Amino acid sequence: MMAFIRSVGIQYKCFSIEKKHIKDSVEATGKLSKQISSFIRNHYDDFLAFNDVKIYYDNGQVEVSKLLSSVFNALLPNPIFRKVMPTDYKLFQVADFICTMELLNLKLENNLFSRSEMIFFGNKRDLKQNYLKALRKKEWN
């Protein structure tokens, strides 16, 4: 997967919240909406440079589906939404992989890396060198 990610011209941006500080789904949706809206506003001209802005989502979480629809429809002209099956799109699998790596990075930063994760990746340095460093080059800032 990393070889494919290194070879394709993609950029990504992950948004996250700490659920332990969130009272309910309304607050979570609000915080994520603000993060995504701010990012779109800061990169509005970049988004307009594309012929189409397509959002692929598997509708796995209803709140996330609603959030994506409301934010993108409010801020961008004619975003295109597509329901996707993860097995059908390599880029969707890449997005899922990137989100997993970002979650692992958050766990590293907060000293929550599990024993099984340590066994799988070897050690924290290997995870950073072999995965996270390469992903940082693809991050859309």
N, C-alpha and C. Protein backbone atom coordinates (compact mmCIF):
# COMPACT_ATOMS: atom_id res chain seq x y z
N MET A 1 0.83 -1.19 0.00
CA MET A 1 0.00 0.00 0.00
C MET A 1 0.87 1.26 0.00
N MET A 2 1.94 1.27 0.80
CA MET A 2 2.80 2.45 0.86
C MET A 2 3.46 2.73 -0.48
N ALA A 3 3.83 1.69 -1.20
CA ALA A 3 4.44 1.90 -2.52
C ALA A 3 3.45 2.61 -3.45
N PHE A 4 2.20 2.20 -3.41
CA PHE A 4 1.17 2.84 -4.23
C PHE A 4 0.98 4.29 -3.80
N ILE A 5 0.90 4.53 -2.50
CA ILE A 5 0.70 5.89 -1.99
C ILE A 5 1.84 6.81 -2.41
N ARG A 6 3.06 6.30 -2.33
CA ARG A 6 4.22 7.10 -2.74
C ARG A 6 4.16 7.46 -4.22
N SER A 7 3.56 6.59 -5.03
CA SER A 7 3.59 6.78 -6.48
C SER A 7 2.46 7.64 -7.04
N VAL A 8 1.39 7.84 -6.27
CA VAL A 8 0.26 8.61 -6.80
C VAL A 8 0.32 10.06 -6.32
N GLY A 9 -0.21 10.93 -7.15
CA GLY A 9 -0.22 12.36 -6.83
C GLY A 9 -1.43 12.74 -6.01
N ILE A 10 -1.42 12.38 -4.76
CA ILE A 10 -2.53 12.72 -3.88
C ILE A 10 -2.04 13.62 -2.75
N GLN A 11 -2.99 14.33 -2.18
CA GLN A 11 -2.78 15.06 -0.95
C GLN A 11 -3.96 14.72 -0.05
N TYR A 12 -3.74 14.73 1.24
CA TYR A 12 -4.82 14.40 2.16
C TYR A 12 -4.83 15.36 3.34
N LYS A 13 -5.96 15.38 3.98
CA LYS A 13 -6.10 16.13 5.23
C LYS A 13 -7.01 15.32 6.14
N CYS A 14 -6.54 15.06 7.35
CA CYS A 14 -7.35 14.34 8.33
C CYS A 14 -7.84 15.31 9.39
N PHE A 15 -9.05 15.07 9.85
CA PHE A 15 -9.64 15.88 10.91
C PHE A 15 -9.97 14.95 12.06
N SER A 16 -9.71 15.41 13.27
CA SER A 16 -9.98 14.54 14.42
C SER A 16 -10.40 15.36 15.63
N ILE A 17 -11.09 14.67 16.52
CA ILE A 17 -11.49 15.24 17.80
C ILE A 17 -11.24 14.17 18.86
N GLU A 18 -11.03 14.60 20.07
CA GLU A 18 -10.89 13.66 21.18
C GLU A 18 -12.26 13.42 21.78
N LYS A 19 -12.76 12.21 21.61
CA LYS A 19 -14.11 11.89 22.06
C LYS A 19 -14.28 11.99 23.57
N LYS A 20 -13.19 11.83 24.31
CA LYS A 20 -13.33 11.88 25.78
C LYS A 20 -13.69 13.28 26.27
N HIS A 21 -13.48 14.30 25.42
CA HIS A 21 -13.82 15.67 25.79
C HIS A 21 -15.14 16.13 25.17
N ILE A 22 -15.85 15.22 24.53
CA ILE A 22 -17.08 15.56 23.82
C ILE A 22 -18.28 15.01 24.58
N LYS A 23 -19.29 15.85 24.79
CA LYS A 23 -20.47 15.43 25.55
C LYS A 23 -21.41 14.54 24.74
N ASP A 24 -21.61 14.89 23.46
CA ASP A 24 -22.58 14.14 22.65
C ASP A 24 -22.26 14.29 21.17
N SER A 25 -23.07 13.62 20.33
CA SER A 25 -22.80 13.63 18.89
C SER A 25 -23.00 15.01 18.26
N VAL A 26 -23.86 15.82 18.85
CA VAL A 26 -24.08 17.17 18.33
C VAL A 26 -22.80 18.00 18.48
N GLU A 27 -22.18 17.91 19.64
CA GLU A 27 -20.93 18.65 19.86
C GLU A 27 -19.83 18.12 18.95
N ALA A 28 -19.76 16.80 18.79
CA ALA A 28 -18.75 16.20 17.92
C ALA A 28 -18.93 16.68 16.48
N THR A 29 -20.17 16.66 16.00
CA THR A 29 -20.46 17.11 14.65
C THR A 29 -20.08 18.57 14.47
N GLY A 30 -20.40 19.39 15.46
CA GLY A 30 -20.06 20.81 15.40
C GLY A 30 -18.56 21.05 15.32
N LYS A 31 -17.80 20.35 16.14
CA LYS A 31 -16.34 20.53 16.13
C LYS A 31 -15.72 20.08 14.80
N LEU A 32 -16.18 18.94 14.30
CA LEU A 32 -15.65 18.47 13.01
C LEU A 32 -16.07 19.40 11.87
N SER A 33 -17.31 19.87 11.91
CA SER A 33 -17.79 20.81 10.88
C SER A 33 -16.93 22.06 10.84
N LYS A 34 -16.59 22.59 12.00
CA LYS A 34 -15.76 23.79 12.06
C LYS A 34 -14.37 23.54 11.48
N GLN A 35 -13.78 22.39 11.80
CA GLN A 35 -12.46 22.06 11.27
C GLN A 35 -12.49 21.95 9.75
N ILE A 36 -13.47 21.23 9.23
CA ILE A 36 -13.55 21.02 7.78
C ILE A 36 -13.88 22.33 7.07
N SER A 37 -14.82 23.09 7.62
CA SER A 37 -15.19 24.39 7.03
C SER A 37 -13.99 25.33 6.97
N SER A 38 -13.25 25.39 8.04
CA SER A 38 -12.07 26.25 8.09
C SER A 38 -11.06 25.83 7.04
N PHE A 39 -10.84 24.54 6.90
CA PHE A 39 -9.89 24.05 5.90
C PHE A 39 -10.35 24.41 4.49
N ILE A 40 -11.63 24.22 4.20
CA ILE A 40 -12.15 24.54 2.86
C ILE A 40 -12.01 26.04 2.60
N ARG A 41 -12.35 26.87 3.57
CA ARG A 41 -12.23 28.32 3.38
C ARG A 41 -10.77 28.73 3.15
N ASN A 42 -9.86 28.14 3.90
CA ASN A 42 -8.44 28.47 3.73
C ASN A 42 -7.88 28.02 2.39
N HIS A 43 -8.50 27.03 1.79
CA HIS A 43 -8.01 26.48 0.52
C HIS A 43 -9.07 26.60 -0.58
N TYR A 44 -9.94 27.58 -0.43
CA TYR A 44 -11.07 27.72 -1.35
C TYR A 44 -10.63 27.81 -2.81
N ASP A 45 -9.65 28.63 -3.09
CA ASP A 45 -9.17 28.78 -4.47
C ASP A 45 -8.60 27.48 -5.01
N ASP A 46 -7.95 26.72 -4.15
CA ASP A 46 -7.44 25.40 -4.58
C ASP A 46 -8.59 24.49 -4.99
N PHE A 47 -9.66 24.48 -4.20
CA PHE A 47 -10.82 23.65 -4.54
C PHE A 47 -11.46 24.11 -5.85
N LEU A 48 -11.55 25.42 -6.06
CA LEU A 48 -12.17 25.94 -7.28
C LEU A 48 -11.34 25.64 -8.52
N ALA A 49 -10.06 25.39 -8.35
CA ALA A 49 -9.20 25.08 -9.49
C ALA A 49 -9.51 23.71 -10.10
N PHE A 50 -10.17 22.85 -9.33
CA PHE A 50 -10.53 21.53 -9.86
C PHE A 50 -11.78 21.63 -10.72
N ASN A 51 -11.85 20.80 -11.76
CA ASN A 51 -13.06 20.74 -12.58
C ASN A 51 -14.24 20.28 -11.74
N ASP A 52 -14.02 19.27 -10.93
CA ASP A 52 -15.05 18.72 -10.05
C ASP A 52 -14.44 18.45 -8.68
N VAL A 53 -15.25 18.61 -7.66
CA VAL A 53 -14.87 18.17 -6.33
C VAL A 53 -15.79 17.00 -6.00
N LYS A 54 -15.20 15.83 -5.89
CA LYS A 54 -15.98 14.62 -5.62
C LYS A 54 -15.67 14.10 -4.23
N ILE A 55 -16.72 13.75 -3.52
CA ILE A 55 -16.59 13.21 -2.18
C ILE A 55 -17.08 11.77 -2.24
N TYR A 56 -16.17 10.86 -1.97
CA TYR A 56 -16.50 9.44 -1.94
C TYR A 56 -16.61 9.01 -0.49
N TYR A 57 -17.73 8.41 -0.14
CA TYR A 57 -17.92 7.94 1.23
C TYR A 57 -18.79 6.70 1.20
N ASP A 58 -18.54 5.80 2.14
CA ASP A 58 -19.29 4.55 2.17
C ASP A 58 -20.55 4.64 3.02
N ASN A 59 -20.86 5.83 3.52
CA ASN A 59 -22.03 6.06 4.38
C ASN A 59 -22.01 5.18 5.62
N GLY A 60 -20.81 4.88 6.09
CA GLY A 60 -20.66 4.02 7.26
C GLY A 60 -21.18 4.64 8.55
N GLN A 61 -21.12 5.95 8.66
CA GLN A 61 -21.63 6.65 9.84
C GLN A 61 -22.57 7.75 9.36
N VAL A 62 -23.82 7.67 9.77
CA VAL A 62 -24.83 8.61 9.31
C VAL A 62 -24.44 10.05 9.63
N GLU A 63 -23.92 10.29 10.84
CA GLU A 63 -23.54 11.65 11.23
C GLU A 63 -22.46 12.21 10.31
N VAL A 64 -21.50 11.38 9.94
CA VAL A 64 -20.42 11.82 9.05
C VAL A 64 -20.97 12.12 7.66
N SER A 65 -21.88 11.29 7.17
CA SER A 65 -22.51 11.52 5.86
C SER A 65 -23.22 12.87 5.84
N LYS A 66 -23.99 13.14 6.87
CA LYS A 66 -24.72 14.41 6.95
C LYS A 66 -23.75 15.60 7.05
N LEU A 67 -22.72 15.43 7.86
CA LEU A 67 -21.73 16.49 8.04
C LEU A 67 -21.06 16.82 6.71
N LEU A 68 -20.59 15.80 6.00
CA LEU A 68 -19.92 16.02 4.72
C LEU A 68 -20.85 16.71 3.73
N SER A 69 -22.08 16.24 3.66
CA SER A 69 -23.04 16.83 2.73
C SER A 69 -23.30 18.30 3.06
N SER A 70 -23.56 18.59 4.32
CA SER A 70 -23.90 19.97 4.67
C SER A 70 -22.71 20.92 4.49
N VAL A 71 -21.52 20.51 4.90
CA VAL A 71 -20.36 21.40 4.80
C VAL A 71 -19.96 21.63 3.35
N PHE A 72 -19.82 20.57 2.58
CA PHE A 72 -19.38 20.73 1.19
C PHE A 72 -20.44 21.44 0.35
N ASN A 73 -21.72 21.14 0.55
CA ASN A 73 -22.76 21.82 -0.21
C ASN A 73 -22.87 23.29 0.16
N ALA A 74 -22.59 23.63 1.41
CA ALA A 74 -22.68 25.03 1.84
C ALA A 74 -21.51 25.86 1.32
N LEU A 75 -20.35 25.25 1.16
CA LEU A 75 -19.15 26.03 0.85
C LEU A 75 -18.65 25.94 -0.58
N LEU A 76 -19.01 24.89 -1.28
CA LEU A 76 -18.49 24.71 -2.64
C LEU A 76 -19.62 24.61 -3.65
N PRO A 77 -19.40 25.12 -4.85
CA PRO A 77 -20.43 25.00 -5.88
C PRO A 77 -20.45 23.57 -6.45
N ASN A 78 -21.57 22.95 -6.40
CA ASN A 78 -21.81 21.65 -7.04
C ASN A 78 -20.85 20.52 -6.67
N PRO A 79 -20.64 20.26 -5.40
CA PRO A 79 -19.82 19.08 -5.07
C PRO A 79 -20.57 17.82 -5.50
N ILE A 80 -19.83 16.81 -5.86
CA ILE A 80 -20.41 15.56 -6.32
C ILE A 80 -20.18 14.50 -5.25
N PHE A 81 -21.25 13.87 -4.82
CA PHE A 81 -21.15 12.83 -3.80
C PHE A 81 -21.36 11.47 -4.43
N ARG A 82 -20.51 10.53 -4.05
CA ARG A 82 -20.60 9.17 -4.56
C ARG A 82 -20.52 8.20 -3.38
N LYS A 83 -21.46 7.27 -3.35
CA LYS A 83 -21.35 6.18 -2.38
C LYS A 83 -20.39 5.16 -2.96
N VAL A 84 -19.53 4.65 -2.14
CA VAL A 84 -18.49 3.77 -2.63
C VAL A 84 -18.42 2.52 -1.77
N MET A 85 -18.08 1.44 -2.42
CA MET A 85 -17.76 0.20 -1.72
C MET A 85 -16.24 0.17 -1.60
N PRO A 86 -15.72 0.01 -0.40
CA PRO A 86 -14.26 0.06 -0.21
C PRO A 86 -13.47 -0.87 -1.12
N THR A 87 -14.02 -2.00 -1.46
CA THR A 87 -13.28 -2.94 -2.31
C THR A 87 -13.20 -2.49 -3.76
N ASP A 88 -14.03 -1.51 -4.15
CA ASP A 88 -14.09 -1.09 -5.55
C ASP A 88 -13.10 0.01 -5.91
N TYR A 89 -12.59 0.72 -4.95
CA TYR A 89 -11.76 1.88 -5.24
C TYR A 89 -10.46 1.83 -4.44
N LYS A 90 -9.36 1.78 -5.14
CA LYS A 90 -8.05 1.74 -4.49
C LYS A 90 -7.81 3.01 -3.67
N LEU A 91 -8.24 4.16 -4.20
CA LEU A 91 -8.02 5.41 -3.46
C LEU A 91 -8.83 5.45 -2.17
N PHE A 92 -9.99 4.80 -2.17
CA PHE A 92 -10.76 4.72 -0.93
C PHE A 92 -10.02 3.89 0.10
N GLN A 93 -9.39 2.83 -0.36
CA GLN A 93 -8.58 1.99 0.53
C GLN A 93 -7.38 2.79 1.04
N VAL A 94 -6.81 3.62 0.18
CA VAL A 94 -5.70 4.49 0.59
C VAL A 94 -6.17 5.44 1.68
N ALA A 95 -7.34 6.04 1.49
CA ALA A 95 -7.88 6.97 2.49
C ALA A 95 -8.09 6.26 3.83
N ASP A 96 -8.61 5.06 3.78
CA ASP A 96 -8.82 4.28 5.00
C ASP A 96 -7.49 3.98 5.69
N PHE A 97 -6.49 3.63 4.90
CA PHE A 97 -5.15 3.34 5.42
C PHE A 97 -4.55 4.59 6.06
N ILE A 98 -4.69 5.73 5.39
CA ILE A 98 -4.14 6.98 5.92
C ILE A 98 -4.81 7.33 7.25
N CYS A 99 -6.12 7.16 7.32
CA CYS A 99 -6.82 7.45 8.58
C CYS A 99 -6.34 6.54 9.70
N THR A 100 -6.09 5.28 9.38
CA THR A 100 -5.56 4.34 10.37
C THR A 100 -4.18 4.78 10.84
N MET A 101 -3.33 5.19 9.91
CA MET A 101 -1.99 5.65 10.28
C MET A 101 -2.05 6.92 11.12
N GLU A 102 -2.97 7.82 10.79
CA GLU A 102 -3.11 9.05 11.57
C GLU A 102 -3.59 8.74 12.99
N LEU A 103 -4.48 7.77 13.12
CA LEU A 103 -4.93 7.35 14.44
C LEU A 103 -3.77 6.76 15.24
N LEU A 104 -2.95 5.95 14.58
CA LEU A 104 -1.77 5.40 15.25
C LEU A 104 -0.81 6.51 15.68
N ASN A 105 -0.68 7.53 14.85
CA ASN A 105 0.18 8.66 15.21
C ASN A 105 -0.35 9.38 16.45
N LEU A 106 -1.66 9.57 16.52
CA LEU A 106 -2.25 10.18 17.71
C LEU A 106 -2.00 9.32 18.95
N LYS A 107 -2.09 8.01 18.77
CA LYS A 107 -1.82 7.10 19.89
C LYS A 107 -0.36 7.20 20.32
N LEU A 108 0.53 7.32 19.34
CA LEU A 108 1.96 7.50 19.66
C LEU A 108 2.18 8.76 20.48
N GLU A 109 1.60 9.86 20.01
CA GLU A 109 1.78 11.16 20.66
C GLU A 109 1.25 11.17 22.09
N ASN A 110 0.23 10.34 22.34
CA ASN A 110 -0.39 10.31 23.67
C ASN A 110 0.01 9.09 24.49
N ASN A 111 1.08 8.42 24.04
CA ASN A 111 1.59 7.23 24.72
C ASN A 111 0.51 6.16 24.94
N LEU A 112 -0.30 5.92 23.92
CA LEU A 112 -1.36 4.92 23.99
C LEU A 112 -1.12 3.77 23.02
N PHE A 113 0.09 3.66 22.51
CA PHE A 113 0.45 2.61 21.56
C PHE A 113 0.36 1.26 22.27
N SER A 114 -0.43 0.35 21.72
CA SER A 114 -0.66 -0.94 22.39
C SER A 114 0.49 -1.92 22.14
N ARG A 115 0.51 -2.94 22.94
CA ARG A 115 1.53 -3.99 22.81
C ARG A 115 1.41 -4.67 21.45
N SER A 116 0.19 -4.96 21.01
CA SER A 116 0.01 -5.63 19.71
C SER A 116 0.45 -4.72 18.56
N GLU A 117 0.21 -3.42 18.68
CA GLU A 117 0.68 -2.49 17.65
C GLU A 117 2.20 -2.44 17.64
N MET A 118 2.80 -2.48 18.80
CA MET A 118 4.26 -2.49 18.90
C MET A 118 4.82 -3.76 18.25
N ILE A 119 4.18 -4.88 18.49
CA ILE A 119 4.63 -6.15 17.88
C ILE A 119 4.49 -6.08 16.36
N PHE A 120 3.37 -5.56 15.89
CA PHE A 120 3.11 -5.51 14.45
C PHE A 120 4.11 -4.60 13.73
N PHE A 121 4.35 -3.41 14.27
CA PHE A 121 5.21 -2.43 13.59
C PHE A 121 6.68 -2.54 13.98
N GLY A 122 6.99 -3.34 14.97
CA GLY A 122 8.37 -3.47 15.40
C GLY A 122 8.68 -2.53 16.54
N ASN A 123 8.64 -1.24 16.25
CA ASN A 123 8.82 -0.22 17.29
C ASN A 123 8.32 1.11 16.76
N LYS A 124 8.29 2.10 17.62
CA LYS A 124 7.76 3.41 17.25
C LYS A 124 8.59 4.06 16.14
N ARG A 125 9.88 3.90 16.21
CA ARG A 125 10.76 4.49 15.20
C ARG A 125 10.46 3.92 13.82
N ASP A 126 10.27 2.60 13.73
CA ASP A 126 9.97 1.97 12.44
C ASP A 126 8.65 2.48 11.88
N LEU A 127 7.65 2.63 12.73
CA LEU A 127 6.36 3.17 12.28
C LEU A 127 6.56 4.58 11.72
N LYS A 128 7.30 5.40 12.42
CA LYS A 128 7.52 6.77 11.97
C LYS A 128 8.31 6.80 10.65
N GLN A 129 9.38 6.03 10.58
CA GLN A 129 10.24 6.03 9.39
C GLN A 129 9.57 5.40 8.17
N ASN A 130 8.92 4.26 8.37
CA ASN A 130 8.39 3.50 7.24
C ASN A 130 7.02 3.94 6.77
N TYR A 131 6.27 4.62 7.61
CA TYR A 131 4.90 4.99 7.25
C TYR A 131 4.64 6.49 7.41
N LEU A 132 4.78 6.97 8.62
CA LEU A 132 4.36 8.34 8.92
C LEU A 132 5.18 9.39 8.18
N LYS A 133 6.46 9.19 8.05
CA LYS A 133 7.31 10.16 7.34
C LYS A 133 6.88 10.30 5.89
N ALA A 134 6.61 9.18 5.23
CA ALA A 134 6.17 9.22 3.83
C ALA A 134 4.80 9.87 3.70
N LEU A 135 3.92 9.61 4.66
CA LEU A 135 2.59 10.21 4.61
C LEU A 135 2.64 11.72 4.81
N ARG A 136 3.53 12.20 5.66
CA ARG A 136 3.65 13.65 5.90
C ARG A 136 3.92 14.41 4.60
N LYS A 137 4.63 13.78 3.69
CA LYS A 137 4.94 14.43 2.41
C LYS A 137 3.69 14.60 1.55
N LYS A 138 2.64 13.83 1.85
CA LYS A 138 1.39 13.89 1.08
C LYS A 138 0.32 14.74 1.77
N GLU A 139 0.62 15.19 2.98
CA GLU A 139 -0.40 15.92 3.74
C GLU A 139 -0.63 17.31 3.15
N TRP A 140 -1.90 17.68 3.02
CA TRP A 140 -2.30 18.98 2.48
C TRP A 140 -2.38 19.95 3.65
N ASN A 141 -1.45 20.90 3.68
CA ASN A 141 -1.41 21.86 4.80
C ASN A 141 -2.04 23.17 4.48
